[in-house]
Amino acid sequence: MQKEFQVFRYVTCGLSVIVAIFIIVLCNLLPTGSMAASFLVNKIKGVDYIAPQNFMWIAFFWALAELFVRAHMLILQKHELQLHLLPERDDELLTSSRMPTIHSNVLRLNANGQLGCMVKLLASQFQISRSVSMCSAVLKSETELLENRIELGYNIVRYITWMIPTLGFIGTVQGILMALNVASKTPMNDPTLLSKVITDMSTAFWTTLLALILSCIIMWVMHLVQGREETYLNDCANYCLKNFINKIYVK
């Protein structure tokens, strides 16, 4: 499962960069000086540097790709709850003699996700220790480790969410510096001074506005996906508690 996750992630992130470049090219086809062109890619007359918006779009689609991969892999794992890896009847009890059967059943059904790993770990632990308390401790520890793994899995998305506003602020500083540079080189009685300064100042605010909007979108999607991952982990822990820990019978 982990190897499949990495391959799918690399392919998806690569495609996201291609999509971002395609979007940037389309935006650059907009008329120079139009509000849409200024807002999306900083296409303003007299501005000949690479706008921060270009990097913001690439980072934005990269973050969406990371979240899409996690959401897709979560969907693939959710079917394990329907595989009946453990006996689910209330009148069934589990003894150590049934552990090899449970373990082989997980392997036969190719359950390599979170639930499958939990069941295999609990079956092995009970077969070794014959202790309900040890199995409960192992389930708790495994759940905490998986929670930490989920949290760490979003580090790259959190970094991108921080980086996009930073790029926006860089564009803001860049626009203000350009405006000050123009003001210092233009005579005070020049009638075009105000329009030149406003043009450069607008560059500063467009980049900040776009950065804040993109960051808000990423944060919203991230909280949705992470919430579903954590909910599924709780469902897996509850399934093991109900159908394994509470059904263990020690002679």
C-alpha atoms as a PDB file:
ATOM      1  CA  MET A   1       0.000   0.000   0.000  1.00  0.00           C
ATOM      2  CA  GLN A   2       2.813   2.428   0.881  1.00  0.00           C
ATOM      3  CA  LYS A   3       4.635   1.791  -2.409  1.00  0.00           C
ATOM      4  CA  GLU A   4       1.437   2.291  -4.403  1.00  0.00           C
ATOM      5  CA  PHE A   5       0.817   5.498  -2.474  1.00  0.00           C
ATOM      6  CA  GLN A   6       4.229   6.934  -3.354  1.00  0.00           C
ATOM      7  CA  VAL A   7       3.995   6.060  -7.063  1.00  0.00           C
ATOM      8  CA  PHE A   8       0.490   7.508  -7.343  1.00  0.00           C
ATOM      9  CA  ARG A   9       1.626  10.596  -5.461  1.00  0.00           C
ATOM     10  CA  TYR A  10       4.591  11.286  -7.760  1.00  0.00           C
ATOM     11  CA  VAL A  11       2.472  10.875 -10.898  1.00  0.00           C
ATOM     12  CA  THR A  12      -0.345  13.059  -9.579  1.00  0.00           C
ATOM     13  CA  CYS A  13       1.978  15.827  -8.397  1.00  0.00           C
ATOM     14  CA  GLY A  14       3.760  15.787 -11.753  1.00  0.00           C
ATOM     15  CA  LEU A  15       0.444  16.163 -13.573  1.00  0.00           C
ATOM     16  CA  SER A  16      -0.562  18.986 -11.211  1.00  0.00           C
ATOM     17  CA  VAL A  17       2.526  20.997 -12.191  1.00  0.00           C
ATOM     18  CA  ILE A  18       1.653  20.513 -15.869  1.00  0.00           C
ATOM     19  CA  VAL A  19      -1.913  21.702 -15.202  1.00  0.00           C
ATOM     20  CA  ALA A  20      -0.567  24.741 -13.320  1.00  0.00           C
ATOM     21  CA  ILE A  21       1.703  25.670 -16.230  1.00  0.00           C
ATOM     22  CA  PHE A  22      -1.222  25.288 -18.625  1.00  0.00           C
ATOM     23  CA  ILE A  23      -3.352  27.605 -16.458  1.00  0.00           C
ATOM     24  CA  ILE A  24      -0.523  30.162 -16.351  1.00  0.00           C
ATOM     25  CA  VAL A  25      -0.208  30.089 -20.141  1.00  0.00           C
ATOM     26  CA  LEU A  26      -3.968  30.586 -20.544  1.00  0.00           C
ATOM     27  CA  CYS A  27      -3.967  33.500 -18.109  1.00  0.00           C
ATOM     28  CA  ASN A  28      -1.124  35.137 -20.020  1.00  0.00           C
ATOM     29  CA  LEU A  29      -3.331  35.150 -23.112  1.00  0.00           C
ATOM     30  CA  LEU A  30      -5.656  37.626 -21.393  1.00  0.00           C
ATOM     31  CA  PRO A  31      -5.429  41.269 -22.527  1.00  0.00           C
ATOM     32  CA  THR A  32      -2.576  43.164 -20.876  1.00  0.00           C
ATOM     33  CA  GLY A  33      -3.779  45.488 -18.168  1.00  0.00           C
ATOM     34  CA  SER A  34      -7.173  43.850 -17.734  1.00  0.00           C
ATOM     35  CA  MET A  35      -8.327  43.195 -14.184  1.00  0.00           C
ATOM     36  CA  ALA A  36      -8.273  39.406 -14.660  1.00  0.00           C
ATOM     37  CA  ALA A  37      -4.760  39.434 -16.138  1.00  0.00           C
ATOM     38  CA  SER A  38      -3.456  41.705 -13.367  1.00  0.00           C
ATOM     39  CA  PHE A  39      -5.054  39.604 -10.652  1.00  0.00           C
ATOM     40  CA  LEU A  40      -4.156  36.130 -11.942  1.00  0.00           C
ATOM     41  CA  VAL A  41      -0.657  36.559 -13.410  1.00  0.00           C
ATOM     42  CA  ASN A  42       0.269  40.211 -12.848  1.00  0.00           C
ATOM     43  CA  LYS A  43       0.134  40.949 -16.574  1.00  0.00           C
ATOM     44  CA  ILE A  44       0.511  44.731 -16.472  1.00  0.00           C
ATOM     45  CA  LYS A  45       2.032  47.045 -19.061  1.00  0.00           C
ATOM     46  CA  GLY A  46       5.568  47.950 -18.124  1.00  0.00           C
ATOM     47  CA  VAL A  47       6.051  44.937 -15.823  1.00  0.00           C
ATOM     48  CA  ASP A  48       8.609  42.578 -17.360  1.00  0.00           C
ATOM     49  CA  TYR A  49       9.651  40.349 -14.426  1.00  0.00           C
ATOM     50  CA  ILE A  50       8.351  36.887 -13.532  1.00  0.00           C
ATOM     51  CA  ALA A  51       5.361  37.508 -11.292  1.00  0.00           C
ATOM     52  CA  PRO A  52       5.028  35.711  -7.930  1.00  0.00           C
ATOM     53  CA  GLN A  53       1.557  34.604  -9.072  1.00  0.00           C
ATOM     54  CA  ASN A  54       3.178  32.056 -11.408  1.00  0.00           C
ATOM     55  CA  PHE A  55       4.855  30.276  -8.507  1.00  0.00           C
ATOM     56  CA  MET A  56       1.707  30.604  -6.414  1.00  0.00           C
ATOM     57  CA  TRP A  57      -0.337  28.736  -9.031  1.00  0.00           C
ATOM     58  CA  ILE A  58       2.207  25.914  -9.180  1.00  0.00           C
ATOM     59  CA  ALA A  59       2.251  25.621  -5.378  1.00  0.00           C
ATOM     60  CA  PHE A  60      -1.558  25.737  -5.245  1.00  0.00           C
ATOM     61  CA  PHE A  61      -2.073  22.857  -7.668  1.00  0.00           C
ATOM     62  CA  TRP A  62       0.731  20.890  -6.025  1.00  0.00           C
ATOM     63  CA  ALA A  63      -1.044  21.156  -2.667  1.00  0.00           C
ATOM     64  CA  LEU A  64      -4.352  20.125  -4.227  1.00  0.00           C
ATOM     65  CA  ALA A  65      -2.622  17.110  -5.770  1.00  0.00           C
ATOM     66  CA  GLU A  66      -1.231  16.061  -2.384  1.00  0.00           C
ATOM     67  CA  LEU A  67      -4.706  16.294  -0.866  1.00  0.00           C
ATOM     68  CA  PHE A  68      -6.285  14.440  -3.781  1.00  0.00           C
ATOM     69  CA  VAL A  69      -3.822  11.574  -3.348  1.00  0.00           C
ATOM     70  CA  ARG A  70      -4.616  11.269   0.367  1.00  0.00           C
ATOM     71  CA  ALA A  71      -8.354  11.377  -0.299  1.00  0.00           C
ATOM     72  CA  HIS A  72      -8.058   8.746  -3.021  1.00  0.00           C
ATOM     73  CA  MET A  73      -5.976   6.383  -0.887  1.00  0.00           C
ATOM     74  CA  LEU A  74      -8.481   6.813   1.940  1.00  0.00           C
ATOM     75  CA  ILE A  75     -11.296   5.694  -0.371  1.00  0.00           C
ATOM     76  CA  LEU A  76      -9.258   2.610  -1.305  1.00  0.00           C
ATOM     77  CA  GLN A  77      -8.760   1.740   2.366  1.00  0.00           C
ATOM     78  CA  LYS A  78     -12.355   2.256   3.471  1.00  0.00           C
ATOM     79  CA  HIS A  79     -13.523  -0.940   1.780  1.00  0.00           C
ATOM     80  CA  GLU A  80     -11.654  -2.951   4.429  1.00  0.00           C
ATOM     81  CA  LEU A  81     -14.466  -2.237   6.876  1.00  0.00           C
ATOM     82  CA  GLN A  82     -16.719  -4.258   4.573  1.00  0.00           C
ATOM     83  CA  LEU A  83     -14.390  -7.274   4.349  1.00  0.00           C
ATOM     84  CA  HIS A  84     -15.447  -8.715   7.748  1.00  0.00           C
ATOM     85  CA  LEU A  85     -11.859  -9.299   8.841  1.00  0.00           C
ATOM     86  CA  LEU A  86     -13.099 -10.143  12.344  1.00  0.00           C
ATOM     87  CA  PRO A  87     -16.143 -12.104  13.540  1.00  0.00           C
ATOM     88  CA  GLU A  88     -18.924  -9.572  13.987  1.00  0.00           C
ATOM     89  CA  ARG A  89     -21.652 -11.648  15.671  1.00  0.00           C
ATOM     90  CA  ASP A  90     -22.228 -10.727  19.292  1.00  0.00           C
ATOM     91  CA  ASP A  91     -22.231 -14.363  20.446  1.00  0.00           C
ATOM     92  CA  GLU A  92     -18.806 -15.197  18.958  1.00  0.00           C
ATOM     93  CA  LEU A  93     -15.705 -15.334  21.127  1.00  0.00           C
ATOM     94  CA  LEU A  94     -12.058 -15.271  20.134  1.00  0.00           C
ATOM     95  CA  THR A  95      -9.496 -17.693  21.444  1.00  0.00           C
ATOM     96  CA  SER A  96      -5.808 -17.999  20.665  1.00  0.00           C
ATOM     97  CA  SER A  97      -6.541 -20.912  18.326  1.00  0.00           C
ATOM     98  CA  ARG A  98      -8.420 -18.577  15.978  1.00  0.00           C
ATOM     99  CA  MET A  99      -5.589 -16.084  15.602  1.00  0.00           C
ATOM    100  CA  PRO A 100      -3.806 -17.885  12.717  1.00  0.00           C
ATOM    101  CA  THR A 101      -7.112 -18.016  10.838  1.00  0.00           C
ATOM    102  CA  ILE A 102      -7.697 -14.285  11.337  1.00  0.00           C
ATOM    103  CA  HIS A 103      -4.141 -13.512  10.274  1.00  0.00           C
ATOM    104  CA  SER A 104      -4.366 -15.638   7.123  1.00  0.00           C
ATOM    105  CA  ASN A 105      -7.772 -14.134   6.335  1.00  0.00           C
ATOM    106  CA  VAL A 106      -6.254 -10.657   6.308  1.00  0.00           C
ATOM    107  CA  LEU A 107      -3.505 -11.821   3.961  1.00  0.00           C
ATOM    108  CA  ARG A 108      -5.973 -13.625   1.685  1.00  0.00           C
ATOM    109  CA  LEU A 109      -8.153 -10.546   1.323  1.00  0.00           C
ATOM    110  CA  ASN A 110      -5.068  -8.374   0.705  1.00  0.00           C
ATOM    111  CA  ALA A 111      -6.062  -5.949   3.458  1.00  0.00           C
ATOM    112  CA  ASN A 112      -2.923  -3.787   3.631  1.00  0.00           C
ATOM    113  CA  GLY A 113      -4.526  -0.624   4.954  1.00  0.00           C
ATOM    114  CA  GLN A 114      -4.843   0.689   8.480  1.00  0.00           C
ATOM    115  CA  LEU A 115      -7.525  -1.783   9.540  1.00  0.00           C
ATOM    116  CA  GLY A 116      -5.691  -4.784   8.124  1.00  0.00           C
ATOM    117  CA  CYS A 117      -2.478  -3.779   9.895  1.00  0.00           C
ATOM    118  CA  MET A 118      -4.338  -3.319  13.181  1.00  0.00           C
ATOM    119  CA  VAL A 119      -5.989  -6.740  12.954  1.00  0.00           C
ATOM    120  CA  LYS A 120      -2.732  -8.527  12.104  1.00  0.00           C
ATOM    121  CA  LEU A 121      -0.917  -6.763  14.935  1.00  0.00           C
ATOM    122  CA  LEU A 122      -3.596  -7.625  17.498  1.00  0.00           C
ATOM    123  CA  ALA A 123      -3.793 -11.251  16.347  1.00  0.00           C
ATOM    124  CA  SER A 124      -0.032 -11.667  16.651  1.00  0.00           C
ATOM    125  CA  GLN A 125       0.054  -9.945  20.038  1.00  0.00           C
ATOM    126  CA  PHE A 126      -2.698 -12.094  21.531  1.00  0.00           C
ATOM    127  CA  GLN A 127      -1.198 -15.281  20.159  1.00  0.00           C
ATOM    128  CA  ILE A 128       2.068 -14.402  21.916  1.00  0.00           C
ATOM    129  CA  SER A 129       0.890 -12.885  25.196  1.00  0.00           C
ATOM    130  CA  ARG A 130      -2.623 -14.354  25.760  1.00  0.00           C
ATOM    131  CA  SER A 131      -3.338 -11.043  27.522  1.00  0.00           C
ATOM    132  CA  VAL A 132      -6.349  -8.783  26.992  1.00  0.00           C
ATOM    133  CA  SER A 133      -4.612  -5.827  28.645  1.00  0.00           C
ATOM    134  CA  MET A 134      -1.590  -6.178  26.370  1.00  0.00           C
ATOM    135  CA  CYS A 135      -3.818  -6.214  23.295  1.00  0.00           C
ATOM    136  CA  SER A 136      -5.653  -3.112  24.534  1.00  0.00           C
ATOM    137  CA  ALA A 137      -2.340  -1.331  25.088  1.00  0.00           C
ATOM    138  CA  VAL A 138      -1.134  -2.322  21.626  1.00  0.00           C
ATOM    139  CA  LEU A 139      -4.359  -1.060  20.027  1.00  0.00           C
ATOM    140  CA  LYS A 140      -4.026   2.261  21.838  1.00  0.00           C
ATOM    141  CA  SER A 141      -0.367   2.631  20.879  1.00  0.00           C
ATOM    142  CA  GLU A 142      -1.009   1.722  17.237  1.00  0.00           C
ATOM    143  CA  THR A 143      -3.870   4.224  17.025  1.00  0.00           C
ATOM    144  CA  GLU A 144      -1.658   6.981  18.415  1.00  0.00           C
ATOM    145  CA  LEU A 145       1.140   6.127  15.984  1.00  0.00           C
ATOM    146  CA  LEU A 146      -1.255   6.213  13.046  1.00  0.00           C
ATOM    147  CA  GLU A 147      -2.630   9.559  14.244  1.00  0.00           C
ATOM    148  CA  ASN A 148       0.922  10.941  14.289  1.00  0.00           C
ATOM    149  CA  ARG A 149       1.542   9.530  10.809  1.00  0.00           C
ATOM    150  CA  ILE A 150      -1.583  11.253   9.505  1.00  0.00           C
ATOM    151  CA  GLU A 151      -0.471  14.503  11.099  1.00  0.00           C
ATOM    152  CA  LEU A 152       3.022  14.251   9.608  1.00  0.00           C
ATOM    153  CA  GLY A 153       1.563  13.438   6.189  1.00  0.00           C
ATOM    154  CA  TYR A 154       0.179  16.975   5.962  1.00  0.00           C
ATOM    155  CA  ASN A 155       3.494  18.726   6.593  1.00  0.00           C
ATOM    156  CA  ILE A 156       4.097  19.435   2.914  1.00  0.00           C
ATOM    157  CA  VAL A 157       0.589  20.883   2.516  1.00  0.00           C
ATOM    158  CA  ARG A 158       1.050  23.077   5.594  1.00  0.00           C
ATOM    159  CA  TYR A 159       4.357  24.300   4.202  1.00  0.00           C
ATOM    160  CA  ILE A 160       2.735  25.194   0.878  1.00  0.00           C
ATOM    161  CA  THR A 161      -0.099  26.942   2.731  1.00  0.00           C
ATOM    162  CA  TRP A 162       2.542  29.042   4.488  1.00  0.00           C
ATOM    163  CA  MET A 163       4.612  29.561   1.321  1.00  0.00           C
ATOM    164  CA  ILE A 164       1.785  30.967  -0.836  1.00  0.00           C
ATOM    165  CA  PRO A 165       1.077  33.990   1.437  1.00  0.00           C
ATOM    166  CA  THR A 166       4.841  34.490   1.685  1.00  0.00           C
ATOM    167  CA  LEU A 167       5.024  34.721  -2.105  1.00  0.00           C
ATOM    168  CA  GLY A 168       2.129  37.146  -1.956  1.00  0.00           C
ATOM    169  CA  PHE A 169       3.968  39.345   0.522  1.00  0.00           C
ATOM    170  CA  ILE A 170       7.072  39.195  -1.665  1.00  0.00           C
ATOM    171  CA  GLY A 171       4.955  40.479  -4.534  1.00  0.00           C
ATOM    172  CA  THR A 172       3.599  43.188  -2.250  1.00  0.00           C
ATOM    173  CA  VAL A 173       7.057  44.380  -1.279  1.00  0.00           C
ATOM    174  CA  GLN A 174       8.139  44.151  -4.908  1.00  0.00           C
ATOM    175  CA  GLY A 175       5.228  46.307  -6.052  1.00  0.00           C
ATOM    176  CA  ILE A 176       5.828  48.929  -3.355  1.00  0.00           C
ATOM    177  CA  LEU A 177       9.538  49.104  -4.220  1.00  0.00           C
ATOM    178  CA  MET A 178       8.687  49.562  -7.893  1.00  0.00           C
ATOM    179  CA  ALA A 179       6.250  52.332  -7.031  1.00  0.00           C
ATOM    180  CA  LEU A 180       8.850  54.114  -4.889  1.00  0.00           C
ATOM    181  CA  ASN A 181      11.460  53.693  -7.608  1.00  0.00           C
ATOM    182  CA  VAL A 182       9.157  55.227 -10.185  1.00  0.00           C
ATOM    183  CA  ALA A 183       8.262  58.091  -7.850  1.00  0.00           C
ATOM    184  CA  SER A 184      11.921  58.848  -7.189  1.00  0.00           C
ATOM    185  CA  LYS A 185      12.793  59.003 -10.892  1.00  0.00           C
ATOM    186  CA  THR A 186       9.743  60.945 -12.102  1.00  0.00           C
ATOM    187  CA  PRO A 187       9.485  64.727 -11.704  1.00  0.00           C
ATOM    188  CA  MET A 188       6.821  65.815  -9.256  1.00  0.00           C
ATOM    189  CA  ASN A 189       5.121  67.950 -11.907  1.00  0.00           C
ATOM    190  CA  ASP A 190       4.793  65.019 -14.325  1.00  0.00           C
ATOM    191  CA  PRO A 191       1.034  64.428 -14.887  1.00  0.00           C
ATOM    192  CA  THR A 192       1.612  60.677 -15.373  1.00  0.00           C
ATOM    193  CA  LEU A 193       3.317  60.233 -11.988  1.00  0.00           C
ATOM    194  CA  LEU A 194       0.168  59.283 -10.117  1.00  0.00           C
ATOM    195  CA  SER A 195      -0.956  56.718 -12.701  1.00  0.00           C
ATOM    196  CA  LYS A 196       2.492  55.085 -12.760  1.00  0.00           C
ATOM    197  CA  VAL A 197       2.642  54.817  -8.976  1.00  0.00           C
ATOM    198  CA  ILE A 198      -0.906  53.444  -8.745  1.00  0.00           C
ATOM    199  CA  THR A 199      -0.126  50.817 -11.406  1.00  0.00           C
ATOM    200  CA  ASP A 200       2.828  49.536  -9.446  1.00  0.00           C
ATOM    201  CA  MET A 201       0.947  49.692  -6.160  1.00  0.00           C
ATOM    202  CA  SER A 202      -1.892  47.650  -7.641  1.00  0.00           C
ATOM    203  CA  THR A 203       0.643  44.936  -8.371  1.00  0.00           C
ATOM    204  CA  ALA A 204       1.379  44.743  -4.658  1.00  0.00           C
ATOM    205  CA  PHE A 205      -2.242  44.285  -3.633  1.00  0.00           C
ATOM    206  CA  TRP A 206      -3.227  41.870  -6.422  1.00  0.00           C
ATOM    207  CA  THR A 207      -0.547  39.378  -5.375  1.00  0.00           C
ATOM    208  CA  THR A 208      -1.562  39.537  -1.713  1.00  0.00           C
ATOM    209  CA  LEU A 209      -5.244  39.091  -2.530  1.00  0.00           C
ATOM    210  CA  LEU A 210      -4.628  36.058  -4.745  1.00  0.00           C
ATOM    211  CA  ALA A 211      -2.316  34.504  -2.140  1.00  0.00           C
ATOM    212  CA  LEU A 212      -4.909  34.813   0.620  1.00  0.00           C
ATOM    213  CA  ILE A 213      -7.672  33.325  -1.545  1.00  0.00           C
ATOM    214  CA  LEU A 214      -5.545  30.336  -2.631  1.00  0.00           C
ATOM    215  CA  SER A 215      -4.406  29.693   0.949  1.00  0.00           C
ATOM    216  CA  CYS A 216      -7.998  29.730   2.218  1.00  0.00           C
ATOM    217  CA  ILE A 217      -9.015  27.166  -0.415  1.00  0.00           C
ATOM    218  CA  ILE A 218      -6.125  24.847   0.458  1.00  0.00           C
ATOM    219  CA  MET A 219      -6.815  25.082   4.192  1.00  0.00           C
ATOM    220  CA  TRP A 220     -10.503  24.301   3.686  1.00  0.00           C
ATOM    221  CA  VAL A 221      -9.785  21.235   1.529  1.00  0.00           C
ATOM    222  CA  MET A 222      -7.040  20.085   3.920  1.00  0.00           C
ATOM    223  CA  HIS A 223      -9.353  20.188   6.932  1.00  0.00           C
ATOM    224  CA  LEU A 224     -11.978  18.190   5.023  1.00  0.00           C
ATOM    225  CA  VAL A 225      -9.543  15.460   3.977  1.00  0.00           C
ATOM    226  CA  GLN A 226      -7.738  15.284   7.328  1.00  0.00           C
ATOM    227  CA  GLY A 227     -11.034  15.112   9.180  1.00  0.00           C
ATOM    228  CA  ARG A 228     -12.144  12.163   7.079  1.00  0.00           C
ATOM    229  CA  GLU A 229      -8.822  10.391   7.624  1.00  0.00           C
ATOM    230  CA  GLU A 230      -9.061  10.810  11.382  1.00  0.00           C
ATOM    231  CA  THR A 231     -12.689   9.681  11.370  1.00  0.00           C
ATOM    232  CA  TYR A 232     -11.759   6.537   9.459  1.00  0.00           C
ATOM    233  CA  LEU A 233      -8.929   5.807  11.905  1.00  0.00           C
ATOM    234  CA  ASN A 234     -11.384   6.091  14.800  1.00  0.00           C
ATOM    235  CA  ASP A 235     -13.763   3.743  12.974  1.00  0.00           C
ATOM    236  CA  CYS A 236     -10.960   1.195  12.583  1.00  0.00           C
ATOM    237  CA  ALA A 237     -10.011   1.415  16.266  1.00  0.00           C
ATOM    238  CA  ASN A 238     -13.645   1.094  17.289  1.00  0.00           C
ATOM    239  CA  TYR A 239     -14.090  -1.920  14.988  1.00  0.00           C
ATOM    240  CA  CYS A 240     -11.097  -3.683  16.576  1.00  0.00           C
ATOM    241  CA  LEU A 241     -12.240  -2.786  20.077  1.00  0.00           C
ATOM    242  CA  LYS A 242     -15.749  -4.085  19.475  1.00  0.00           C
ATOM    243  CA  ASN A 243     -14.939  -7.210  17.481  1.00  0.00           C
ATOM    244  CA  PHE A 244     -11.547  -8.200  18.893  1.00  0.00           C
ATOM    245  CA  ILE A 245     -10.725  -6.790  22.330  1.00  0.00           C
ATOM    246  CA  ASN A 246     -14.252  -7.234  23.721  1.00  0.00           C
ATOM    247  CA  LYS A 247     -14.534 -10.787  22.355  1.00  0.00           C
ATOM    248  CA  ILE A 248     -11.264 -12.256  23.586  1.00  0.00           C
ATOM    249  CA  TYR A 249     -11.726 -15.351  25.678  1.00  0.00           C
ATOM    250  CA  VAL A 250      -8.831 -16.552  27.827  1.00  0.00           C
ATOM    251  CA  LYS A 251      -9.166 -20.060  29.238  1.00  0.00           C
END
